[in-house]
Amino acid sequence: MSRRSLLRGAAAGACMVTLPALLSACGHGPGGNRNQVTVGSNASDAVPRKAYAAAFEAYRKQTGKQVKVNTKDHNDFQENINRYLQGTPDDVFMWFAGYRMQYFAQKGLLTEISDVWASFSGFSDAIKEQSSYDGKQYFVPYYYYPWAVFHRRSLFQQRGYQQPRTWDQFIALAKRMHKDGTPVAFCDKDGWPAMGTFDYINLRLNGYDFHKALMAGEEAWNDNRVKKVFDTWRELMPYYQKGALGRTWEEAGQSLQQRRTGMVVLGMQHPGTQFPDDERDDIDFFAFPEIDPSHGQDAVEAPVDGFLAAGKAKNIDGAKELLKWLGTPEAEDIYLRHDPGNVAVNSGADTSGYSALQKKSVELVAGAKQISQFLDRDTRPDFASTVMIQALQDFIRDPKDVDGLCNRIERQKKTIFSQPVG
């Protein structure tokens, strides 16, 4: 995930384009400007935007090459990515590892960069696999961030809350928080945040192999195992803050920062960007609780973000040169100095300046037996965007009719997965 997916907004960025021209790159004429690489960015929030600007400025100083960044609203970028890549995309664009990348490689919308990867070091075989399709590389990983249950350390200390390990302990804590006037933060206006909770309950109940098969369309969504996911999730819903479908992830993070909520299931970068610098040390987290002991807390959602070269890039040589630099530890170090809400992918990156939160995140991921990307990254994008966003929002709106919900998802899944990717 990521993530990740949808449904609003005006375009932002250097081109100042508006719908329906959303996500069209600023043109450079036939062949493009060979002294400049354009980058399509979904980093519309202040912290990552500043961090990327620092990285690209360092590249300019080292090479003398210009990087023109066209920043768009994060959700609009994701919603329109297919049209963007088939139109007039930037040379390089920000996107996600795993299935979400492989989907576009399969459609022929990416430029292969196996030659760029030949110069890389510091990436694990697992990361290389997440960056590849059909044995060829297309993706340069930049950072990852685990999903977990985040909270303010000081609030837990003040009220004597204990980090839960099991689902029963988690529900007891949520009930107590709700009674104390600080319910569990919850949001899904953006369409994707609730996917993280679904994924974790599914992973904890049914295990990683079932999760992968379900995302691949190989398991039925009206299977009793899926219904149990929703039934289990429903136990938590009375303790959520109200109005989730009208709340963005930024607003959920702000409510945690303002001590109006007690904890939230999000990625590490999400609450981090909503806390001022002098309060980030107060952010803590615990792994999503165990539900079935046979699966424990084995799996961790840890999406990987990075860069790709568009299939229709005008300046392919410049794009590959930039991607080669972005795959270095130095490039990751520069970015993470300005955005401590993420963790470097390259093993050669400098971790000496990591915050306690970053160090704990590294330990969480290192100790995981399986790593998942996120629902909208582990499955077909068309299924995630046209079926699962609406389905999870329907469940949030009315969590009672699980049978009807699962039957609808399965019918739609069969239709989508019967269609070719192209």
Protein backbone atom coordinates (compact mmCIF):
# COMPACT_ATOMS: atom_id res chain seq x y z
CA MET A 1 0.00 0.00 0.00
CA SER A 2 0.42 3.69 -1.16
CA ARG A 3 0.08 3.93 -1.23
CA ARG A 4 -1.57 4.74 -1.88
CA SER A 5 -5.61 5.67 -3.99
CA LEU A 6 -8.37 8.31 -4.62
CA LEU A 7 -11.02 10.50 -4.94
CA ARG A 8 -10.55 14.18 -4.74
CA GLY A 9 -8.85 17.41 -5.32
CA ALA A 10 -7.38 19.89 -7.64
CA ALA A 11 -4.07 19.36 -9.30
CA ALA A 12 -1.06 21.02 -7.75
CA GLY A 13 2.50 21.56 -8.83
CA ALA A 14 4.77 23.26 -11.26
CA CYS A 15 2.47 22.89 -14.25
CA MET A 16 -0.66 23.94 -12.32
CA VAL A 17 -2.76 21.65 -14.52
CA THR A 18 -6.40 20.99 -13.75
CA LEU A 19 -8.78 18.20 -14.70
CA PRO A 20 -9.09 16.76 -17.28
CA ALA A 21 -5.45 17.51 -17.99
CA LEU A 22 -4.51 16.18 -14.55
CA LEU A 23 -1.14 14.49 -14.43
CA SER A 24 -0.06 15.59 -17.88
CA ALA A 25 3.60 16.50 -17.77
CA CYS A 26 4.79 19.98 -18.72
CA GLY A 27 5.80 19.51 -22.33
CA HIS A 28 9.27 20.07 -23.67
CA GLY A 29 8.50 19.61 -27.33
CA PRO A 30 9.58 16.67 -29.48
CA GLY A 31 12.42 14.80 -27.86
CA GLY A 32 12.22 16.79 -24.67
CA ASN A 33 14.92 18.91 -23.05
CA ARG A 34 18.08 16.76 -22.93
CA ASN A 35 19.64 18.89 -20.22
CA GLN A 36 16.70 18.37 -17.91
CA VAL A 37 14.90 15.39 -16.41
CA THR A 38 11.28 15.76 -15.39
CA VAL A 39 9.93 13.90 -12.36
CA GLY A 40 6.26 13.23 -11.67
CA SER A 41 5.79 13.48 -7.92
CA ASN A 42 2.98 12.37 -5.61
CA ALA A 43 4.77 13.92 -2.60
CA SER A 44 2.27 16.72 -2.10
CA ASP A 45 2.72 16.93 1.68
CA ALA A 46 5.23 19.44 3.04
CA VAL A 47 7.73 17.06 4.70
CA PRO A 48 8.41 14.65 1.80
CA ARG A 49 8.22 17.46 -0.72
CA LYS A 50 11.01 19.32 1.09
CA ALA A 51 13.04 16.10 1.44
CA TYR A 52 12.83 15.30 -2.27
CA ALA A 53 13.78 18.88 -3.12
CA ALA A 54 16.96 18.48 -1.04
CA ALA A 55 17.84 15.23 -2.83
CA PHE A 56 17.29 16.64 -6.31
CA GLU A 57 19.27 19.77 -5.46
CA ALA A 58 22.18 17.57 -4.36
CA TYR A 59 21.97 15.75 -7.69
CA ARG A 60 22.04 19.06 -9.57
CA LYS A 61 25.12 20.22 -7.69
CA GLN A 62 26.95 16.97 -8.37
CA THR A 63 26.06 16.58 -12.05
CA GLY A 64 25.00 19.99 -13.29
CA LYS A 65 21.79 18.38 -14.59
CA GLN A 66 18.44 20.00 -13.85
CA VAL A 67 15.55 18.08 -12.29
CA LYS A 68 12.12 19.60 -12.84
CA VAL A 69 9.58 18.21 -10.37
CA ASN A 70 5.89 18.25 -11.24
CA THR A 71 4.06 17.66 -7.96
CA LYS A 72 0.44 16.55 -7.89
CA ASP A 73 -1.98 15.80 -5.09
CA HIS A 74 -1.10 12.35 -3.76
CA ASN A 75 -4.54 10.78 -4.21
CA ASP A 76 -5.17 12.38 -7.59
CA PHE A 77 -1.81 11.06 -8.79
CA GLN A 78 -2.77 7.52 -7.85
CA GLU A 79 -6.27 7.76 -9.25
CA ASN A 80 -5.03 8.97 -12.63
CA ILE A 81 -1.77 7.01 -12.96
CA ASN A 82 -2.97 4.78 -15.80
CA ARG A 83 -4.07 7.73 -17.95
CA TYR A 84 -0.88 9.59 -17.03
CA LEU A 85 1.42 6.80 -18.24
CA GLN A 86 -0.52 6.37 -21.47
CA GLY A 87 -0.46 10.11 -22.17
CA THR A 88 2.56 12.40 -21.90
CA PRO A 89 4.24 11.35 -18.65
CA ASP A 90 7.36 12.79 -17.05
CA ASP A 91 10.67 11.02 -17.66
CA VAL A 92 10.75 9.61 -14.12
CA PHE A 93 7.88 9.21 -11.69
CA MET A 94 7.34 8.14 -8.09
CA TRP A 95 5.47 4.90 -7.49
CA PHE A 96 5.41 1.65 -5.54
CA ALA A 97 7.20 -1.69 -5.56
CA GLY A 98 5.63 -5.10 -6.08
CA TYR A 99 2.41 -5.79 -7.94
CA ARG A 100 1.59 -2.11 -8.49
CA MET A 101 4.83 -1.73 -10.44
CA GLN A 102 4.62 -5.11 -12.16
CA TYR A 103 1.13 -4.34 -13.44
CA PHE A 104 2.41 -1.40 -15.48
CA ALA A 105 5.48 -3.30 -16.63
CA GLN A 106 3.19 -6.00 -17.95
CA LYS A 107 1.21 -3.35 -19.85
CA GLY A 108 4.40 -2.03 -21.45
CA LEU A 109 4.13 1.40 -19.82
CA LEU A 110 7.58 1.35 -18.16
CA THR A 111 11.18 1.52 -19.37
CA GLU A 112 13.31 -1.46 -18.37
CA ILE A 113 16.32 -0.45 -16.25
CA SER A 114 18.18 -3.73 -15.80
CA ASP A 115 21.31 -1.93 -17.04
CA VAL A 116 20.92 0.60 -14.22
CA TRP A 117 20.52 -2.19 -11.67
CA ALA A 118 23.82 -3.73 -12.80
CA SER A 119 25.61 -0.93 -10.94
CA PHE A 120 23.60 -1.23 -7.71
CA SER A 121 24.73 -2.69 -4.41
CA GLY A 122 23.10 -2.80 -1.01
CA PHE A 123 19.71 -4.13 -2.11
CA SER A 124 18.57 -7.56 -0.93
CA ASP A 125 17.34 -10.26 -3.28
CA ALA A 126 13.83 -9.77 -1.87
CA ILE A 127 13.96 -6.07 -2.73
CA LYS A 128 15.25 -6.87 -6.21
CA GLU A 129 12.35 -9.27 -6.69
CA GLN A 130 9.90 -6.54 -5.67
CA SER A 131 11.56 -4.30 -8.28
CA SER A 132 11.35 -6.80 -11.14
CA TYR A 133 8.92 -8.22 -13.66
CA ASP A 134 9.63 -11.28 -15.78
CA GLY A 135 13.26 -11.29 -14.64
CA LYS A 136 13.87 -7.66 -15.65
CA GLN A 137 14.18 -4.62 -13.39
CA TYR A 138 11.99 -1.54 -13.63
CA PHE A 139 11.96 0.04 -10.18
CA VAL A 140 14.51 1.85 -7.99
CA PRO A 141 13.58 1.38 -4.29
CA TYR A 142 14.09 4.46 -2.12
CA TYR A 143 12.59 3.89 1.31
CA TYR A 144 10.08 1.79 3.21
CA TYR A 145 7.80 2.36 6.16
CA PRO A 146 6.04 -0.22 8.33
CA TRP A 147 2.38 -0.11 9.24
CA ALA A 148 1.66 -0.57 12.92
CA VAL A 149 -0.46 0.87 15.74
CA PHE A 150 0.89 4.35 16.55
CA HIS A 151 0.33 6.39 19.69
CA ARG A 152 1.84 9.11 21.85
CA ARG A 153 4.25 7.67 24.39
CA SER A 154 3.40 10.41 26.90
CA LEU A 155 -0.33 9.68 26.75
CA PHE A 156 0.28 6.00 27.50
CA GLN A 157 2.51 6.93 30.42
CA GLN A 158 0.05 9.49 31.74
CA ARG A 159 -2.88 7.07 31.74
CA GLY A 160 -1.05 3.86 32.49
CA TYR A 161 -1.92 2.25 29.16
CA GLN A 162 0.05 -0.88 28.23
CA GLN A 163 0.92 -1.87 24.68
CA PRO A 164 -1.24 -4.92 23.89
CA ARG A 165 0.05 -8.08 22.26
CA THR A 166 -3.22 -9.94 21.66
CA TRP A 167 -6.52 -8.97 20.08
CA ASP A 168 -8.42 -9.28 23.37
CA GLN A 169 -5.93 -6.92 25.03
CA PHE A 170 -6.22 -4.56 22.06
CA ILE A 171 -10.02 -4.43 22.29
CA ALA A 172 -9.83 -3.88 26.06
CA LEU A 173 -7.46 -0.96 25.52
CA ALA A 174 -9.65 0.52 22.77
CA LYS A 175 -12.68 0.27 25.06
CA ARG A 176 -10.80 2.02 27.86
CA MET A 177 -9.56 4.78 25.53
CA HIS A 178 -13.07 5.37 24.26
CA LYS A 179 -14.35 5.68 27.81
CA ASP A 180 -11.52 8.13 28.60
CA GLY A 181 -12.60 10.38 25.73
CA THR A 182 -9.76 9.56 23.37
CA PRO A 183 -11.15 6.96 20.95
CA VAL A 184 -9.17 5.05 18.34
CA ALA A 185 -8.40 7.35 15.40
CA PHE A 186 -9.96 6.18 12.14
CA CYS A 187 -10.17 7.64 8.64
CA ASP A 188 -11.08 6.55 5.14
CA LYS A 189 -12.04 9.61 3.11
CA ASP A 190 -8.98 8.93 0.97
CA GLY A 191 -10.14 5.40 0.21
CA TRP A 192 -7.01 3.49 1.22
CA PRO A 193 -6.28 3.90 4.98
CA ALA A 194 -8.82 1.25 6.04
CA MET A 195 -7.08 -1.27 3.79
CA GLY A 196 -4.27 -1.48 6.33
CA THR A 197 -6.58 -2.66 9.09
CA PHE A 198 -8.23 -5.18 6.78
CA ASP A 199 -4.84 -6.54 5.74
CA TYR A 200 -3.58 -6.93 9.28
CA ILE A 201 -6.69 -8.70 10.56
CA ASN A 202 -6.55 -11.01 7.53
CA LEU A 203 -2.83 -11.69 8.03
CA ARG A 204 -3.32 -12.38 11.74
CA LEU A 205 -6.37 -14.60 11.25
CA ASN A 206 -5.54 -16.42 8.01
CA GLY A 207 -1.81 -15.99 7.43
CA TYR A 208 0.39 -14.55 4.73
CA ASP A 209 -0.16 -17.28 2.12
CA PHE A 210 -3.91 -16.79 2.21
CA HIS A 211 -3.44 -13.01 1.98
CA LYS A 212 -1.29 -13.40 -1.16
CA ALA A 213 -3.73 -15.82 -2.77
CA LEU A 214 -6.71 -13.59 -1.95
CA MET A 215 -4.99 -10.54 -3.44
CA ALA A 216 -4.11 -12.56 -6.55
CA GLY A 217 -7.75 -13.49 -7.09
CA GLU A 218 -7.09 -17.15 -6.31
CA GLU A 219 -9.29 -17.30 -3.19
CA ALA A 220 -12.97 -16.42 -2.93
CA TRP A 221 -13.97 -13.23 -1.16
CA ASN A 222 -17.14 -14.92 0.11
CA ASP A 223 -15.05 -17.60 1.82
CA ASN A 224 -15.84 -17.90 5.53
CA ARG A 225 -12.25 -16.92 6.32
CA VAL A 226 -12.82 -13.51 4.72
CA LYS A 227 -16.16 -13.11 6.46
CA LYS A 228 -14.41 -13.74 9.75
CA VAL A 229 -12.05 -10.85 9.00
CA PHE A 230 -14.98 -8.46 8.77
CA ASP A 231 -16.71 -9.99 11.80
CA THR A 232 -13.54 -9.56 13.84
CA TRP A 233 -13.03 -6.00 12.62
CA ARG A 234 -16.57 -5.15 13.70
CA GLU A 235 -15.54 -5.76 17.33
CA LEU A 236 -13.30 -2.70 17.13
CA MET A 237 -15.72 -0.32 15.44
CA PRO A 238 -17.64 0.90 18.53
CA TYR A 239 -14.40 2.41 19.83
CA TYR A 240 -13.46 4.39 16.71
CA GLN A 241 -13.83 8.15 16.46
CA LYS A 242 -16.97 8.94 14.47
CA GLY A 243 -17.10 10.21 10.90
CA ALA A 244 -14.31 8.15 9.34
CA LEU A 245 -15.59 8.57 5.79
CA GLY A 246 -15.26 12.34 6.06
CA ARG A 247 -11.77 12.30 7.59
CA THR A 248 -8.45 12.31 5.75
CA TRP A 249 -5.37 10.50 7.01
CA GLU A 250 -3.79 13.88 7.74
CA GLU A 251 -6.70 14.76 10.02
CA ALA A 252 -6.43 11.40 11.78
CA GLY A 253 -2.74 12.03 12.39
CA GLN A 254 -3.50 15.51 13.68
CA SER A 255 -6.05 14.14 16.14
CA LEU A 256 -3.35 11.86 17.55
CA GLN A 257 -0.92 14.76 17.80
CA GLN A 258 -3.56 16.87 19.56
CA ARG A 259 -4.35 14.05 22.04
CA ARG A 260 -7.96 13.85 20.86
CA THR A 261 -7.43 10.17 19.99
CA GLY A 262 -5.39 7.46 21.63
CA MET A 263 -3.96 5.30 18.83
CA VAL A 264 -4.24 4.71 15.10
CA VAL A 265 -3.38 2.03 12.52
CA LEU A 266 -1.33 3.81 9.84
CA GLY A 267 2.07 3.74 8.17
CA MET A 268 4.98 5.26 10.06
CA GLN A 269 5.25 8.25 7.74
CA HIS A 270 1.61 9.27 8.19
CA PRO A 271 1.46 10.39 11.84
CA GLY A 272 5.08 11.51 11.61
CA THR A 273 4.30 14.24 9.07
CA GLN A 274 1.59 15.64 11.34
CA PHE A 275 3.82 16.10 14.40
CA PRO A 276 6.11 19.12 14.80
CA ASP A 277 9.82 18.31 14.95
CA ASP A 278 10.03 18.79 18.71
CA GLU A 279 7.24 16.25 19.33
CA ARG A 280 8.29 13.40 17.03
CA ASP A 281 10.22 11.68 19.79
CA ASP A 282 6.87 11.20 21.52
CA ILE A 283 5.58 8.93 18.73
CA ASP A 284 5.71 5.22 19.53
CA PHE A 285 4.08 2.11 18.12
CA PHE A 286 3.42 -1.56 18.67
CA ALA A 287 2.97 -4.37 16.18
CA PHE A 288 -0.61 -5.13 15.19
CA PRO A 289 -1.82 -7.63 17.81
CA GLU A 290 -1.92 -11.39 17.50
CA ILE A 291 -5.33 -12.95 16.81
CA ASP A 292 -4.59 -16.57 15.93
CA PRO A 293 -1.47 -17.90 17.72
CA SER A 294 -0.62 -20.09 14.72
CA HIS A 295 0.15 -16.91 12.75
CA GLY A 296 1.21 -14.74 15.68
CA GLN A 297 2.62 -11.41 14.57
CA ASP A 298 4.69 -13.00 11.81
CA ALA A 299 3.72 -10.66 8.97
CA VAL A 300 4.44 -6.95 8.72
CA GLU A 301 3.10 -4.54 6.13
CA ALA A 302 6.08 -2.52 4.95
CA PRO A 303 5.43 -0.80 1.60
CA VAL A 304 8.43 0.24 -0.48
CA ASP A 305 8.32 3.52 -2.42
CA GLY A 306 10.66 4.54 -5.18
CA PHE A 307 11.11 5.65 -8.80
CA LEU A 308 10.53 4.35 -12.31
CA ALA A 309 11.19 5.56 -15.85
CA ALA A 310 8.05 5.98 -17.91
CA GLY A 311 7.78 3.98 -21.11
CA LYS A 312 7.10 7.23 -22.97
CA ALA A 313 9.90 9.18 -21.30
CA LYS A 314 11.39 11.80 -23.64
CA ASN A 315 14.82 11.85 -22.01
CA ILE A 316 15.61 8.17 -21.39
CA ASP A 317 19.36 8.68 -20.94
CA GLY A 318 18.79 11.45 -18.40
CA ALA A 319 16.16 9.39 -16.61
CA LYS A 320 18.53 6.43 -16.23
CA GLU A 321 21.32 8.69 -15.01
CA LEU A 322 19.05 10.12 -12.31
CA LEU A 323 17.75 6.67 -11.34
CA LYS A 324 21.29 5.36 -11.03
CA TRP A 325 22.06 8.13 -8.53
CA LEU A 326 18.78 7.66 -6.63
CA GLY A 327 19.75 4.03 -5.99
CA THR A 328 22.83 5.05 -4.00
CA PRO A 329 23.05 5.18 -0.20
CA GLU A 330 24.03 8.85 -0.46
CA ALA A 331 20.76 9.74 -2.18
CA GLU A 332 18.73 7.96 0.50
CA ASP A 333 20.74 9.60 3.28
CA ILE A 334 20.01 13.08 1.95
CA TYR A 335 16.29 12.39 1.73
CA LEU A 336 15.99 10.81 5.19
CA ARG A 337 17.78 13.70 6.88
CA HIS A 338 14.70 15.73 5.98
CA ASP A 339 12.05 13.02 6.39
CA PRO A 340 12.63 10.80 9.46
CA GLY A 341 9.26 9.13 8.94
CA ASN A 342 10.76 6.50 6.65
CA VAL A 343 13.61 3.98 6.60
CA ALA A 344 16.31 3.48 3.97
CA VAL A 345 16.11 0.40 1.76
CA ASN A 346 19.80 0.31 0.84
CA SER A 347 21.91 -1.52 3.42
CA GLY A 348 24.73 0.96 2.82
CA ALA A 349 22.70 3.92 4.07
CA ASP A 350 23.88 5.75 7.16
CA THR A 351 21.66 4.76 10.10
CA SER A 352 23.70 6.50 12.80
CA GLY A 353 21.30 9.43 12.87
CA TYR A 354 18.14 7.34 13.00
CA SER A 355 15.54 8.32 15.56
CA ALA A 356 14.30 5.81 18.13
CA LEU A 357 11.21 5.36 15.96
CA GLN A 358 13.25 4.54 12.87
CA LYS A 359 15.44 2.09 14.80
CA LYS A 360 12.37 0.36 16.20
CA SER A 361 10.90 0.16 12.69
CA VAL A 362 14.05 -1.52 11.39
CA GLU A 363 13.79 -4.09 14.19
CA LEU A 364 10.11 -4.73 13.46
CA VAL A 365 10.72 -5.40 9.78
CA ALA A 366 13.93 -7.38 10.39
CA GLY A 367 12.06 -9.67 12.78
CA ALA A 368 9.16 -10.34 10.42
CA LYS A 369 8.80 -13.73 8.78
CA GLN A 370 6.81 -12.26 5.90
CA ILE A 371 6.53 -8.78 4.39
CA SER A 372 3.41 -7.62 2.59
CA GLN A 373 3.19 -4.41 0.56
CA PHE A 374 -0.41 -3.26 1.14
CA LEU A 375 -3.81 -4.24 -0.26
CA ASP A 376 -3.78 -1.73 -3.11
CA ARG A 377 -0.20 -2.73 -3.97
CA ASP A 378 -0.57 -6.50 -3.61
CA THR A 379 -3.52 -6.82 -5.98
CA ARG A 380 -4.57 -5.51 -9.38
CA PRO A 381 -4.92 -1.71 -9.31
CA ASP A 382 -8.27 -1.84 -11.08
CA PHE A 383 -9.64 -4.24 -8.47
CA ALA A 384 -8.32 -2.14 -5.60
CA SER A 385 -9.62 1.15 -6.96
CA THR A 386 -12.97 0.15 -8.44
CA VAL A 387 -14.01 -2.57 -5.99
CA MET A 388 -12.18 -2.56 -2.68
CA ILE A 389 -12.29 1.15 -1.90
CA GLN A 390 -16.07 1.19 -2.24
CA ALA A 391 -16.47 -2.16 -0.49
CA LEU A 392 -14.53 -1.10 2.61
CA GLN A 393 -16.32 2.23 2.74
CA ASP A 394 -19.64 0.36 2.50
CA PHE A 395 -18.55 -1.81 5.40
CA ILE A 396 -17.60 1.23 7.48
CA ARG A 397 -20.97 2.79 6.69
CA ASP A 398 -22.93 -0.39 7.51
CA PRO A 399 -20.87 -3.22 9.06
CA LYS A 400 -23.82 -5.59 9.57
CA ASP A 401 -24.33 -7.21 6.16
CA VAL A 402 -21.04 -9.08 5.83
CA ASP A 403 -22.52 -11.89 3.70
CA GLY A 404 -23.93 -9.45 1.15
CA LEU A 405 -20.72 -7.44 1.10
CA CYS A 406 -18.50 -10.47 0.50
CA ASN A 407 -20.77 -11.82 -2.21
CA ARG A 408 -20.65 -8.47 -4.04
CA ILE A 409 -16.86 -8.35 -3.85
CA GLU A 410 -16.54 -11.88 -5.17
CA ARG A 411 -18.85 -11.21 -8.14
CA GLN A 412 -16.87 -8.11 -9.08
CA LYS A 413 -13.56 -9.89 -8.55
CA LYS A 414 -14.50 -12.64 -10.99
CA THR A 415 -15.35 -10.07 -13.64
CA ILE A 416 -12.14 -8.06 -13.22
CA PHE A 417 -9.75 -10.98 -12.89
CA SER A 418 -11.21 -12.61 -15.98
CA GLN A 419 -10.07 -9.62 -18.02
CA PRO A 420 -6.53 -9.32 -19.40
CA VAL A 421 -4.22 -6.79 -17.79
CA GLY A 422 -3.81 -4.82 -21.01
